[in-house]
N, C-alpha and C. Protein backbone atom coordinates (compact mmCIF):
# COMPACT_ATOMS: atom_id res chain seq x y z
N ALA A 1 -231.48 -115.37 -71.39
CA ALA A 1 -232.07 -114.14 -71.93
C ALA A 1 -230.96 -113.10 -72.18
N ALA A 2 -229.74 -113.58 -71.57
CA ALA A 2 -228.77 -112.05 -71.69
C ALA A 2 -227.54 -112.83 -72.28
N GLY A 3 -227.62 -113.63 -73.33
CA GLY A 3 -226.84 -114.40 -74.25
C GLY A 3 -225.53 -114.49 -73.51
N GLU A 4 -224.58 -115.52 -74.37
CA GLU A 4 -223.48 -115.77 -73.63
C GLU A 4 -222.58 -114.91 -72.91
N GLY A 5 -222.25 -113.78 -73.51
CA GLY A 5 -221.57 -112.60 -72.57
C GLY A 5 -222.35 -111.96 -71.73
N GLY A 6 -223.35 -111.99 -71.43
CA GLY A 6 -224.27 -111.19 -70.97
C GLY A 6 -224.50 -111.31 -69.31
N LEU A 7 -225.01 -110.49 -68.96
CA LEU A 7 -225.02 -109.96 -67.58
C LEU A 7 -226.00 -111.08 -66.73
N LEU A 8 -226.27 -111.51 -65.80
CA LEU A 8 -227.18 -112.09 -64.98
C LEU A 8 -227.66 -111.37 -63.46
N LEU A 9 -228.64 -110.49 -63.42
CA LEU A 9 -229.09 -109.95 -62.50
C LEU A 9 -230.37 -110.42 -61.48
N GLY A 10 -230.05 -110.50 -60.09
CA GLY A 10 -231.28 -110.90 -59.82
C GLY A 10 -231.96 -109.58 -58.96
N ASP A 11 -233.23 -109.43 -58.66
CA ASP A 11 -233.90 -108.50 -57.55
C ASP A 11 -233.34 -108.99 -56.14
N GLY A 12 -232.69 -109.83 -55.72
CA GLY A 12 -231.92 -110.00 -54.42
C GLY A 12 -231.10 -110.70 -54.41
N TYR A 13 -230.47 -111.06 -53.30
CA TYR A 13 -229.35 -112.19 -53.17
C TYR A 13 -229.93 -113.80 -53.11
N GLN A 14 -231.08 -113.79 -52.97
CA GLN A 14 -232.01 -115.34 -53.09
C GLN A 14 -232.05 -115.66 -54.71
N SER A 15 -232.39 -114.80 -55.50
CA SER A 15 -232.51 -115.00 -57.02
C SER A 15 -231.04 -114.88 -57.90
N ALA A 16 -230.58 -113.87 -57.06
CA ALA A 16 -228.76 -114.22 -57.74
C ALA A 16 -227.97 -115.05 -57.41
N SER A 17 -228.22 -115.67 -56.43
CA SER A 17 -227.52 -117.03 -56.18
C SER A 17 -228.05 -118.48 -57.11
N GLU A 18 -229.45 -118.44 -57.15
CA GLU A 18 -230.10 -119.40 -58.24
C GLU A 18 -229.60 -118.99 -59.47
N LEU A 19 -229.45 -117.82 -59.95
CA LEU A 19 -228.82 -117.61 -61.36
C LEU A 19 -227.45 -118.04 -61.07
N ALA A 20 -226.96 -118.05 -60.01
CA ALA A 20 -225.65 -118.10 -60.44
C ALA A 20 -225.22 -120.38 -60.33
N TYR A 21 -226.22 -121.06 -59.79
CA TYR A 21 -226.24 -121.91 -59.47
C TYR A 21 -226.57 -122.79 -60.51
N HIS A 22 -227.79 -122.01 -61.27
CA HIS A 22 -228.16 -122.90 -62.46
C HIS A 22 -227.37 -122.34 -63.77
N SER A 23 -226.63 -121.11 -64.02
CA SER A 23 -226.05 -120.83 -65.02
C SER A 23 -224.60 -121.48 -65.18
N GLY A 24 -224.09 -121.50 -63.71
CA GLY A 24 -222.93 -122.08 -63.82
C GLY A 24 -221.53 -120.56 -64.23
N ARG A 25 -221.90 -119.50 -64.27
CA ARG A 25 -221.38 -118.32 -64.29
C ARG A 25 -221.31 -117.40 -63.41
N LEU A 26 -220.68 -117.95 -62.10
CA LEU A 26 -220.39 -117.25 -60.97
C LEU A 26 -220.13 -115.84 -61.13
N ASP A 27 -218.76 -115.38 -62.11
CA ASP A 27 -218.67 -114.14 -62.62
C ASP A 27 -219.26 -113.16 -63.02
N ALA A 28 -220.45 -113.62 -63.30
CA ALA A 28 -220.98 -112.49 -64.51
C ALA A 28 -222.71 -112.63 -63.73
N VAL A 29 -223.08 -112.62 -62.25
CA VAL A 29 -224.27 -112.37 -61.53
C VAL A 29 -224.50 -111.61 -60.82
N GLY A 30 -224.95 -110.59 -60.65
CA GLY A 30 -225.18 -109.83 -59.49
C GLY A 30 -226.34 -109.03 -59.20
N VAL A 31 -226.49 -108.14 -58.66
CA VAL A 31 -227.71 -108.03 -57.77
C VAL A 31 -228.17 -106.08 -58.16
N ALA A 32 -229.41 -106.46 -58.43
CA ALA A 32 -230.04 -104.57 -58.87
C ALA A 32 -231.27 -104.95 -58.26
N ARG A 33 -231.36 -104.97 -56.57
CA ARG A 33 -232.38 -104.62 -55.95
C ARG A 33 -233.10 -103.28 -56.14
N ARG A 34 -234.46 -103.46 -55.74
CA ARG A 34 -235.07 -102.10 -55.61
C ARG A 34 -234.29 -101.28 -54.41
N PRO A 35 -234.43 -99.62 -54.67
CA PRO A 35 -233.94 -98.70 -53.95
C PRO A 35 -234.59 -98.85 -52.22
N LYS A 36 -236.03 -99.19 -52.71
CA LYS A 36 -236.64 -99.43 -51.31
C LYS A 36 -236.51 -100.74 -50.41
N ASP A 37 -235.67 -101.62 -51.08
CA ASP A 37 -235.51 -102.95 -50.23
C ASP A 37 -234.24 -102.68 -49.21
N ARG A 38 -234.51 -103.23 -47.77
CA ARG A 38 -233.37 -103.13 -47.10
C ARG A 38 -231.72 -103.36 -47.58
N ILE A 39 -230.68 -102.93 -47.21
CA ILE A 39 -229.32 -103.22 -47.21
C ILE A 39 -228.96 -104.57 -46.40
N SER A 40 -228.00 -104.95 -46.79
CA SER A 40 -227.37 -106.55 -46.06
C SER A 40 -225.99 -106.55 -46.66
N MET A 41 -225.58 -107.26 -45.86
CA MET A 41 -223.96 -107.56 -45.88
C MET A 41 -223.58 -107.93 -47.20
N TYR A 42 -224.03 -108.46 -47.88
CA TYR A 42 -224.27 -108.37 -49.47
C TYR A 42 -223.58 -107.67 -50.33
N ASP A 43 -224.46 -106.48 -49.94
CA ASP A 43 -224.38 -105.03 -50.50
C ASP A 43 -223.01 -104.70 -50.59
N PHE A 44 -221.78 -105.09 -49.74
CA PHE A 44 -220.54 -104.69 -49.60
C PHE A 44 -219.75 -105.77 -50.70
N TRP A 45 -220.57 -106.98 -51.11
CA TRP A 45 -219.32 -107.49 -52.13
C TRP A 45 -219.44 -106.95 -53.49
N PRO A 46 -218.32 -107.54 -54.21
CA PRO A 46 -218.14 -106.68 -55.61
C PRO A 46 -219.10 -106.97 -56.59
N GLN A 47 -219.52 -106.24 -57.30
CA GLN A 47 -220.22 -106.58 -58.60
C GLN A 47 -219.77 -106.65 -59.52
N PRO A 48 -219.95 -107.45 -60.51
CA PRO A 48 -219.73 -107.82 -62.10
C PRO A 48 -219.37 -106.28 -62.80
N THR A 49 -218.34 -106.17 -63.74
CA THR A 49 -218.42 -105.02 -64.63
C THR A 49 -219.18 -105.18 -65.50
N ILE A 50 -219.82 -104.56 -66.48
CA ILE A 50 -220.92 -103.96 -67.26
C ILE A 50 -219.95 -103.55 -68.58
N GLY A 51 -219.53 -103.91 -69.77
CA GLY A 51 -218.67 -103.42 -70.75
C GLY A 51 -219.98 -102.38 -71.66
N PRO A 52 -219.32 -101.70 -72.40
CA PRO A 52 -220.38 -101.04 -73.34
C PRO A 52 -221.21 -101.56 -74.22
N SER A 53 -222.79 -101.73 -74.18
CA SER A 53 -223.37 -102.18 -75.21
C SER A 53 -223.64 -103.66 -74.64
N THR A 54 -223.28 -104.24 -73.62
CA THR A 54 -224.01 -105.38 -72.79
C THR A 54 -225.41 -105.87 -72.69
N THR A 55 -225.69 -107.11 -73.02
CA THR A 55 -226.92 -107.24 -72.68
C THR A 55 -227.31 -108.03 -70.99
N ALA A 56 -228.28 -107.69 -70.32
CA ALA A 56 -228.10 -108.57 -69.25
C ALA A 56 -229.67 -108.80 -69.12
N ALA A 57 -229.85 -109.86 -67.89
CA ALA A 57 -231.47 -110.46 -68.08
C ALA A 57 -231.76 -110.17 -66.62
N TRP A 58 -232.71 -109.36 -66.08
CA TRP A 58 -232.86 -108.82 -64.59
C TRP A 58 -234.11 -110.02 -64.43
N LEU A 59 -234.00 -110.80 -63.07
CA LEU A 59 -234.81 -111.76 -62.47
C LEU A 59 -235.27 -110.81 -61.35
N SER A 60 -236.79 -110.99 -61.41
CA SER A 60 -237.70 -110.85 -60.27
C SER A 60 -238.82 -111.65 -59.73
N ARG A 61 -238.12 -112.31 -58.57
CA ARG A 61 -238.86 -113.30 -57.74
C ARG A 61 -240.51 -113.15 -57.94
N SER A 62 -241.08 -111.86 -57.73
CA SER A 62 -242.12 -111.24 -57.88
C SER A 62 -242.82 -110.80 -59.47
N GLY A 63 -243.64 -111.72 -59.89
CA GLY A 63 -244.17 -111.27 -61.39
C GLY A 63 -244.79 -110.29 -61.48
N LYS A 64 -244.94 -109.15 -60.13
CA LYS A 64 -245.60 -107.97 -60.19
C LYS A 64 -244.28 -106.58 -60.56
N ARG A 65 -243.04 -106.67 -60.40
CA ARG A 65 -242.10 -106.20 -60.14
C ARG A 65 -241.50 -105.47 -61.75
N LYS A 66 -241.19 -104.22 -61.56
CA LYS A 66 -240.63 -103.70 -63.16
C LYS A 66 -238.91 -103.81 -62.48
N VAL A 67 -238.66 -103.21 -63.68
CA VAL A 67 -236.95 -103.39 -63.45
C VAL A 67 -236.79 -101.53 -62.69
N PRO A 68 -235.67 -101.73 -61.77
CA PRO A 68 -235.80 -100.80 -60.97
C PRO A 68 -235.32 -99.56 -61.75
N LYS A 69 -236.05 -98.14 -60.54
CA LYS A 69 -236.27 -97.19 -61.85
C LYS A 69 -234.53 -96.82 -62.25
N PRO A 70 -233.78 -97.12 -60.89
CA PRO A 70 -232.18 -96.20 -60.92
C PRO A 70 -231.34 -97.48 -62.31
N LEU A 71 -232.13 -99.13 -62.14
CA LEU A 71 -231.49 -99.92 -63.12
C LEU A 71 -231.93 -99.24 -64.72
N ALA A 72 -232.85 -98.94 -65.11
CA ALA A 72 -233.76 -98.81 -66.23
C ALA A 72 -232.85 -98.22 -67.51
N PRO A 73 -232.63 -97.10 -66.92
CA PRO A 73 -232.27 -95.93 -67.76
C PRO A 73 -230.56 -96.33 -67.99
N LEU A 74 -229.81 -97.22 -67.38
CA LEU A 74 -228.42 -97.85 -67.80
C LEU A 74 -228.73 -98.76 -69.28
N PHE A 75 -230.13 -98.91 -69.68
CA PHE A 75 -229.88 -99.87 -70.74
C PHE A 75 -230.84 -99.45 -71.67
N ALA A 76 -230.64 -99.07 -72.96
CA ALA A 76 -231.05 -98.74 -74.27
C ALA A 76 -232.53 -99.54 -74.37
N ARG A 77 -233.36 -100.57 -73.97
CA ARG A 77 -234.29 -101.11 -74.13
C ARG A 77 -234.37 -102.16 -72.81
N ALA A 78 -235.55 -102.20 -72.32
CA ALA A 78 -236.20 -103.34 -71.33
C ALA A 78 -237.10 -103.81 -71.87
N GLU A 79 -237.26 -105.44 -71.87
CA GLU A 79 -238.43 -105.85 -72.38
C GLU A 79 -238.90 -107.23 -71.49
N LYS A 80 -239.87 -107.32 -71.29
CA LYS A 80 -240.25 -108.49 -70.04
C LYS A 80 -240.33 -109.59 -71.22
N ILE A 81 -239.96 -110.85 -70.96
CA ILE A 81 -240.04 -112.21 -71.71
C ILE A 81 -240.47 -113.07 -70.85
N PRO A 82 -241.34 -113.81 -71.57
CA PRO A 82 -242.13 -115.26 -70.73
C PRO A 82 -240.75 -116.24 -71.06
N VAL A 83 -241.07 -117.11 -69.79
CA VAL A 83 -239.69 -117.74 -69.55
C VAL A 83 -240.74 -118.90 -68.43
N PRO A 84 -241.50 -120.01 -69.20
CA PRO A 84 -242.45 -120.79 -68.38
C PRO A 84 -241.91 -121.41 -66.97
N SER A 85 -240.75 -122.24 -67.15
CA SER A 85 -240.10 -122.66 -66.15
C SER A 85 -239.30 -121.93 -65.07
N VAL A 86 -239.65 -120.11 -65.30
CA VAL A 86 -239.25 -119.56 -64.20
C VAL A 86 -240.33 -119.08 -63.19
N LYS A 87 -239.85 -119.18 -61.64
CA LYS A 87 -241.16 -118.22 -61.05
C LYS A 87 -240.78 -117.34 -60.85
N GLY A 88 -241.78 -116.10 -61.30
CA GLY A 88 -241.07 -114.83 -61.31
C GLY A 88 -240.92 -114.40 -62.77
N THR A 89 -240.56 -112.93 -62.89
CA THR A 89 -240.49 -112.49 -64.04
C THR A 89 -238.91 -112.19 -64.64
N VAL A 90 -238.74 -112.10 -65.86
CA VAL A 90 -237.39 -112.23 -66.46
C VAL A 90 -237.55 -110.81 -67.61
N TRP A 91 -236.53 -110.21 -67.49
CA TRP A 91 -236.74 -108.70 -68.22
C TRP A 91 -235.31 -108.91 -68.80
N ARG A 92 -235.44 -108.65 -70.07
CA ARG A 92 -234.01 -108.60 -71.10
C ARG A 92 -234.05 -107.18 -70.98
N LEU A 93 -232.44 -106.99 -70.61
CA LEU A 93 -231.93 -105.64 -70.88
C LEU A 93 -231.26 -105.30 -71.82
N ASP A 94 -231.07 -104.61 -72.94
CA ASP A 94 -230.27 -105.21 -74.16
C ASP A 94 -229.35 -103.31 -74.06
N GLY A 95 -228.26 -103.14 -74.06
CA GLY A 95 -227.43 -102.18 -74.54
C GLY A 95 -227.16 -101.17 -73.74
N TYR A 96 -226.00 -101.61 -72.91
CA TYR A 96 -225.77 -100.60 -71.67
C TYR A 96 -225.20 -99.37 -71.94
N VAL A 97 -225.72 -98.55 -71.62
CA VAL A 97 -225.50 -97.38 -72.48
C VAL A 97 -224.37 -96.48 -71.94
N GLY A 98 -223.68 -97.09 -70.51
CA GLY A 98 -222.78 -96.07 -69.84
C GLY A 98 -222.63 -96.18 -68.54
N ALA A 99 -222.39 -94.96 -67.87
CA ALA A 99 -221.92 -94.85 -66.52
C ALA A 99 -223.15 -95.36 -65.40
N GLY A 100 -222.98 -95.52 -64.30
CA GLY A 100 -223.82 -96.18 -63.38
C GLY A 100 -224.35 -97.20 -63.00
N TRP A 101 -223.14 -98.10 -63.14
CA TRP A 101 -223.32 -99.57 -62.68
C TRP A 101 -222.13 -99.58 -62.01
N PRO A 102 -222.13 -100.38 -60.27
CA PRO A 102 -223.20 -100.62 -59.90
C PRO A 102 -224.21 -99.82 -59.35
N LEU A 103 -225.15 -100.27 -58.97
CA LEU A 103 -226.49 -99.18 -58.35
C LEU A 103 -225.86 -98.99 -57.08
N ALA A 104 -225.76 -97.63 -56.73
CA ALA A 104 -225.35 -96.99 -55.48
C ALA A 104 -226.30 -96.77 -54.64
N TYR A 105 -226.62 -97.57 -53.50
CA TYR A 105 -227.63 -97.32 -52.33
C TYR A 105 -227.41 -96.83 -51.12
N GLU A 106 -228.10 -96.01 -50.50
CA GLU A 106 -227.56 -95.36 -48.96
C GLU A 106 -229.26 -95.50 -48.12
N GLU A 107 -228.95 -96.82 -47.32
CA GLU A 107 -230.17 -96.66 -46.40
C GLU A 107 -231.49 -96.97 -46.78
N GLY A 108 -231.13 -97.94 -47.74
CA GLY A 108 -232.56 -98.31 -48.75
C GLY A 108 -233.02 -97.36 -49.68
N ARG A 109 -232.37 -96.32 -50.27
CA ARG A 109 -232.47 -95.43 -51.11
C ARG A 109 -231.88 -95.32 -52.03
N ASP A 110 -231.86 -94.71 -52.87
CA ASP A 110 -231.16 -94.93 -54.16
C ASP A 110 -230.20 -93.41 -53.91
N ALA A 111 -228.86 -93.82 -53.81
CA ALA A 111 -228.05 -92.17 -53.49
C ALA A 111 -227.74 -91.64 -54.59
N ARG A 112 -227.93 -91.93 -55.66
CA ARG A 112 -227.73 -90.46 -57.08
C ARG A 112 -228.85 -89.48 -56.92
């Protein structure tokens, strides 16, 4: 969904680790959790960089979740795509438009 040079994002560290394992692209996997989710020690690990116009795929383990509000405006377009073999929902995020990554969190809230 993200393409060869794209970024893979999970809604938490479980989904991000699964993306890393199955894709083999450890350098291109990050986490974009919802602001209300609790922080963990993994929030202090470095996130991958995103270049201009980069495409990303965001995996939500829950089929009901939408792209987090702080993440959505960072891309020109977000589209839910069907991937039958995946448990959860995959969103394709096209065209990174600029600053704002990695997302900043403070005590489970968006810091911006």
